[in-house]
N, C-alpha and C. Protein backbone atom coordinates (compact mmCIF):
# COMPACT_ATOMS: atom_id res chain seq x y z
N MET A 1 -0.42 -6.73 2.60
CA MET A 1 -1.68 -6.65 2.04
C MET A 1 -3.08 -7.16 1.40
N GLY A 2 -2.73 -8.51 2.12
CA GLY A 2 -3.51 -9.78 2.27
C GLY A 2 -5.38 -9.25 3.34
N GLU A 3 -4.56 -7.97 4.59
CA GLU A 3 -5.78 -7.67 4.94
C GLU A 3 -7.17 -6.44 4.09
N LEU A 4 -6.04 -5.77 2.92
CA LEU A 4 -6.39 -5.11 2.74
C LEU A 4 -7.49 -5.65 1.18
N LEU A 5 -6.77 -6.18 0.35
CA LEU A 5 -7.74 -7.06 -0.33
C LEU A 5 -9.00 -8.04 0.82
N GLU A 6 -9.08 -7.86 1.71
CA GLU A 6 -9.59 -8.99 1.78
C GLU A 6 -10.96 -8.57 2.41
N GLN A 7 -10.23 -6.62 3.07
CA GLN A 7 -11.14 -5.97 2.89
C GLN A 7 -11.63 -5.69 2.24
N ALA A 8 -11.43 -5.03 1.09
CA ALA A 8 -11.65 -4.71 -0.47
C ALA A 8 -12.93 -5.99 -0.62
N GLY A 9 -13.12 -7.06 -0.18
CA GLY A 9 -13.34 -7.80 -1.11
C GLY A 9 -12.78 -8.16 -2.45
N ILE A 10 -11.26 -8.64 -2.94
CA ILE A 10 -11.28 -8.82 -4.23
C ILE A 10 -10.05 -9.76 -3.58
N THR A 11 -10.93 -11.05 -4.28
CA THR A 11 -10.12 -12.33 -4.23
C THR A 11 -8.70 -12.81 -5.31
N PRO A 12 -7.56 -12.75 -4.85
CA PRO A 12 -6.71 -12.67 -5.97
C PRO A 12 -6.57 -13.80 -6.74
N ASP A 13 -6.02 -13.64 -7.81
CA ASP A 13 -5.76 -14.24 -9.17
C ASP A 13 -4.86 -15.36 -9.11
N LEU A 14 -5.24 -16.46 -8.44
CA LEU A 14 -3.75 -17.14 -8.10
C LEU A 14 -2.97 -17.75 -9.11
N ASP A 15 -3.66 -17.72 -10.04
CA ASP A 15 -3.12 -18.63 -11.12
C ASP A 15 -2.40 -17.50 -12.14
N HIS A 16 -2.28 -16.14 -12.22
CA HIS A 16 -1.18 -15.06 -12.47
C HIS A 16 -1.61 -13.82 -11.23
N PRO A 17 -0.42 -14.40 -10.31
CA PRO A 17 -0.09 -13.27 -9.23
C PRO A 17 0.43 -12.03 -10.07
N GLY A 18 1.49 -12.13 -10.58
CA GLY A 18 1.97 -11.47 -11.42
C GLY A 18 1.25 -9.72 -12.44
N ARG A 19 0.78 -10.84 -12.66
CA ARG A 19 -0.78 -9.41 -13.33
C ARG A 19 -1.74 -9.06 -11.73
N MET A 20 -2.13 -9.64 -11.52
CA MET A 20 -2.58 -9.15 -9.88
C MET A 20 -1.39 -8.75 -9.58
N GLN A 21 -0.91 -8.11 -9.28
CA GLN A 21 0.43 -7.47 -8.27
C GLN A 21 0.50 -6.31 -9.24
N GLU A 22 0.70 -6.32 -10.34
CA GLU A 22 0.56 -5.08 -11.37
C GLU A 22 -0.86 -4.90 -11.24
N ALA A 23 -2.22 -4.92 -11.24
CA ALA A 23 -3.59 -4.54 -11.48
C ALA A 23 -3.40 -3.44 -9.77
N ILE A 24 -3.37 -4.55 -8.95
CA ILE A 24 -3.48 -3.37 -7.36
C ILE A 24 -1.54 -1.91 -6.84
N GLU A 25 -1.08 -2.64 -8.09
CA GLU A 25 -0.44 -1.09 -7.84
C GLU A 25 -0.55 -0.20 -8.51
N SER A 26 -1.62 -0.42 -10.13
CA SER A 26 -1.38 -0.37 -10.88
C SER A 26 -2.87 0.66 -10.37
N ALA A 27 -3.45 0.14 -9.94
CA ALA A 27 -4.61 0.78 -8.94
C ALA A 27 -4.31 2.30 -7.30
N LEU A 28 -3.54 1.68 -6.94
CA LEU A 28 -2.68 2.17 -6.33
C LEU A 28 -2.88 3.41 -6.76
N LYS A 29 -1.69 3.58 -7.67
CA LYS A 29 -0.66 4.62 -8.46
C LYS A 29 -2.68 5.76 -9.43
N GLN A 30 -3.50 4.96 -10.01
CA GLN A 30 -4.30 5.79 -9.82
C GLN A 30 -5.27 6.27 -9.48
N LEU A 31 -4.78 5.54 -7.56
CA LEU A 31 -5.91 6.98 -6.91
C LEU A 31 -4.70 7.28 -6.23
N HIS A 32 -3.67 7.96 -6.54
CA HIS A 32 -2.88 8.53 -5.45
C HIS A 32 -3.05 10.02 -6.65
N THR A 33 -3.00 9.66 -8.80
CA THR A 33 -3.38 10.31 -9.21
C THR A 33 -4.30 10.65 -9.05
N ASP A 34 -6.04 10.89 -8.65
CA ASP A 34 -7.20 11.16 -8.33
C ASP A 34 -7.12 11.97 -7.43
N GLY A 35 -6.51 11.97 -6.96
CA GLY A 35 -6.34 12.90 -5.32
C GLY A 35 -6.77 11.99 -4.08
N VAL A 36 -7.45 10.77 -4.67
CA VAL A 36 -8.20 9.86 -3.29
C VAL A 36 -7.70 9.56 -2.23
N ILE A 37 -6.05 9.09 -2.62
CA ILE A 37 -5.10 8.85 -0.79
C ILE A 37 -3.17 9.66 -0.91
N GLY A 38 -3.01 9.86 -0.16
CA GLY A 38 -1.82 10.63 -0.84
C GLY A 38 -0.53 9.50 -0.63
N PRO A 39 0.26 9.81 -0.59
CA PRO A 39 1.23 8.61 -0.58
C PRO A 39 1.86 8.30 -0.29
N PHE A 40 1.44 6.92 -0.84
CA PHE A 40 2.37 5.59 -0.47
C PHE A 40 3.49 4.41 -0.73
N ALA A 41 3.60 2.97 -0.50
CA ALA A 41 5.07 2.85 0.13
C ALA A 41 5.36 1.60 1.05
N SER A 42 5.41 0.65 -0.13
CA SER A 42 4.97 -0.54 0.47
C SER A 42 6.84 -0.97 2.36
N LEU A 43 6.06 -1.44 2.49
CA LEU A 43 7.58 -0.60 4.17
C LEU A 43 8.29 -2.33 3.82
N VAL A 44 9.70 -1.63 3.84
CA VAL A 44 10.94 -3.25 3.53
C VAL A 44 11.67 -3.22 5.40
N GLU A 45 11.25 -3.70 5.50
CA GLU A 45 12.33 -4.23 6.97
C GLU A 45 13.53 -4.25 6.57
N ASN A 46 15.03 -3.05 7.02
CA ASN A 46 16.35 -2.61 7.30
C ASN A 46 16.84 -3.75 7.35
N SER A 47 16.30 -6.00 7.29
CA SER A 47 17.63 -6.20 7.41
C SER A 47 17.53 -7.13 5.90
N SER A 48 18.80 -8.04 6.46
CA SER A 48 18.99 -9.40 5.83
C SER A 48 17.32 -10.01 5.62
N GLN A 49 16.72 -9.70 5.94
CA GLN A 49 15.90 -11.41 5.84
C GLN A 49 14.26 -9.88 4.75
N GLY A 50 14.37 -8.77 6.06
CA GLY A 50 13.53 -7.45 5.07
C GLY A 50 14.46 -7.48 4.02
N ARG A 51 15.55 -7.65 3.57
CA ARG A 51 15.76 -6.73 2.31
C ARG A 51 15.49 -8.02 0.73
N GLY A 52 15.84 -9.61 2.22
CA GLY A 52 15.31 -11.00 0.87
C GLY A 52 14.61 -11.38 0.72
N THR A 53 13.14 -10.51 1.54
CA THR A 53 12.34 -10.95 1.69
C THR A 53 11.88 -10.10 0.09
N GLN A 54 12.19 -8.85 0.07
CA GLN A 54 11.37 -7.56 -1.05
C GLN A 54 12.07 -8.28 -2.37
N GLU A 55 13.43 -9.19 -2.23
CA GLU A 55 13.84 -9.01 -3.62
C GLU A 55 12.83 -10.26 -3.87
N ARG A 56 12.69 -11.57 -3.15
CA ARG A 56 11.94 -12.44 -3.86
C ARG A 56 10.72 -11.67 -4.90
N ILE A 57 10.00 -10.64 -4.36
CA ILE A 57 9.16 -10.31 -4.81
C ILE A 57 9.28 -9.77 -5.84
N LEU A 58 10.29 -8.88 -5.69
CA LEU A 58 10.92 -7.41 -7.28
C LEU A 58 10.74 -9.40 -8.55
N GLN A 59 11.63 -10.74 -8.04
CA GLN A 59 12.09 -10.88 -9.13
C GLN A 59 10.59 -12.29 -9.07
N ARG A 60 10.07 -11.86 -8.34
CA ARG A 60 8.73 -12.96 -8.65
C ARG A 60 9.00 -14.63 -7.85
N ALA A 61 9.70 -14.90 -7.22
CA ALA A 61 10.89 -16.22 -6.66
C ALA A 61 9.45 -16.60 -6.50
N TYR A 62 10.14 -18.49 -6.44
CA TYR A 62 9.02 -19.69 -5.41
C TYR A 62 8.56 -18.42 -4.89
N HIS A 63 7.30 -18.55 -4.50
CA HIS A 63 6.41 -18.00 -3.23
C HIS A 63 6.69 -16.87 -2.74
N TRP A 64 7.15 -15.91 -3.55
CA TRP A 64 6.95 -14.59 -3.68
C TRP A 64 5.16 -14.10 -3.71
N TRP A 65 4.68 -14.43 -3.92
CA TRP A 65 2.63 -14.17 -4.09
C TRP A 65 2.66 -14.04 -2.52
N ASP A 66 3.10 -15.13 -1.46
CA ASP A 66 3.02 -15.32 -0.03
C ASP A 66 3.48 -13.74 1.07
N ASP A 67 4.72 -13.33 0.05
CA ASP A 67 5.21 -12.40 0.29
C ASP A 67 4.71 -11.26 0.64
N TYR A 68 4.22 -11.42 -1.41
CA TYR A 68 4.01 -9.78 -1.23
C TYR A 68 2.59 -10.07 -0.28
N GLN A 69 1.65 -10.46 -0.26
CA GLN A 69 0.53 -10.10 0.86
C GLN A 69 0.34 -9.87 2.37
N GLN A 70 1.87 -10.68 2.68
CA GLN A 70 2.31 -10.01 4.05
C GLN A 70 2.86 -8.64 4.15
N GLN A 71 3.10 -8.08 3.01
CA GLN A 71 4.14 -7.15 2.83
C GLN A 71 3.25 -5.79 3.30
N LEU A 72 3.67 -5.22 4.27
CA LEU A 72 3.13 -4.04 5.03
C LEU A 72 2.88 -2.40 4.04
N TRP A 73 1.81 -2.15 3.78
CA TRP A 73 2.08 -0.60 3.22
C TRP A 73 1.40 0.30 4.25
N HIS A 74 2.52 1.74 4.04
CA HIS A 74 2.18 3.09 4.05
C HIS A 74 1.48 3.86 3.20
N PHE A 75 0.43 4.15 3.85
CA PHE A 75 -0.74 5.56 3.17
C PHE A 75 -0.92 6.43 3.75
N GLU A 76 -0.40 7.76 3.38
CA GLU A 76 -1.21 9.31 3.71
C GLU A 76 -2.24 9.38 3.21
N ALA A 77 -2.85 10.48 4.28
CA ALA A 77 -3.94 10.84 3.30
C ALA A 77 -3.70 12.08 2.41
N PRO A 78 -4.46 12.51 1.60
CA PRO A 78 -4.25 12.86 -0.21
C PRO A 78 -4.03 14.44 0.99
N GLU A 79 -3.40 15.86 0.10
CA GLU A 79 -2.89 16.74 0.88
C GLU A 79 -4.64 17.25 1.25
N TYR A 80 -5.53 16.97 0.74
CA TYR A 80 -6.36 18.62 0.69
C TYR A 80 -6.98 17.68 1.47
N LEU A 81 -7.23 16.92 2.16
CA LEU A 81 -7.84 16.09 3.61
C LEU A 81 -6.87 16.63 4.28
N ARG A 82 -5.93 16.69 4.44
CA ARG A 82 -5.19 16.68 5.59
C ARG A 82 -5.29 18.42 5.96
N ALA A 83 -4.56 19.21 5.18
CA ALA A 83 -5.42 20.85 4.76
C ALA A 83 -6.84 20.77 5.56
N VAL A 84 -7.53 19.99 5.47
CA VAL A 84 -9.09 19.91 5.72
C VAL A 84 -8.67 20.11 7.09
N TYR A 85 -8.13 19.06 8.13
CA TYR A 85 -7.60 18.90 8.72
C TYR A 85 -7.26 19.76 10.19
N GLN A 86 -6.59 20.90 9.34
CA GLN A 86 -4.94 21.37 9.85
C GLN A 86 -6.07 22.61 10.05
N GLN A 87 -7.27 22.98 9.54
CA GLN A 87 -7.81 24.51 10.14
C GLN A 87 -8.71 23.60 10.96
N THR A 88 -9.43 22.57 10.95
CA THR A 88 -10.31 21.45 12.14
C THR A 88 -10.12 21.90 13.05
N SER A 89 -8.59 21.44 13.16
CA SER A 89 -8.06 20.77 14.36
C SER A 89 -7.36 22.20 14.68
N ARG A 90 -7.31 23.50 13.59
CA ARG A 90 -6.92 25.17 14.91
C ARG A 90 -8.58 25.99 15.66
N LYS A 91 -9.08 25.08 14.90
CA LYS A 91 -10.95 26.46 14.81
C LYS A 91 -11.08 25.08 16.52
N THR A 92 -10.28 23.94 16.39
CA THR A 92 -11.29 23.77 17.73
C THR A 92 -10.11 23.07 18.82
N GLY A 93 -9.14 24.10 18.38
CA GLY A 93 -7.86 23.57 19.74
C GLY A 93 -7.36 22.62 19.52
N VAL A 94 -8.08 21.63 19.37
CA VAL A 94 -6.97 19.91 19.46
C VAL A 94 -5.54 20.29 18.41
N PRO A 95 -4.64 20.20 19.08
CA PRO A 95 -3.50 20.02 18.87
C PRO A 95 -2.85 19.38 17.06
N ASP A 96 -2.29 19.39 16.22
CA ASP A 96 -2.52 18.74 15.20
C ASP A 96 -1.98 17.22 15.48
């Protein structure tokens, strides 16, 4: 998440990290609704440490923003783009 914000030129509002998180996730949902991005989700490590990190973020516990910025996310292409790619790969003989 930190890399995404940095590359987008967004400076986090550390005085209001909760609002910042809500704004980020609301923007991602809107991008998905608008078809700019496909399905997306944060990646949570299947371990006690990973679950603990996720719990700190959900509860906005002490230093949760540091955990949030380090969190990895998975983004898929929107459906229309996947369809175009599949058509193109069939025409050129490139495997999916």
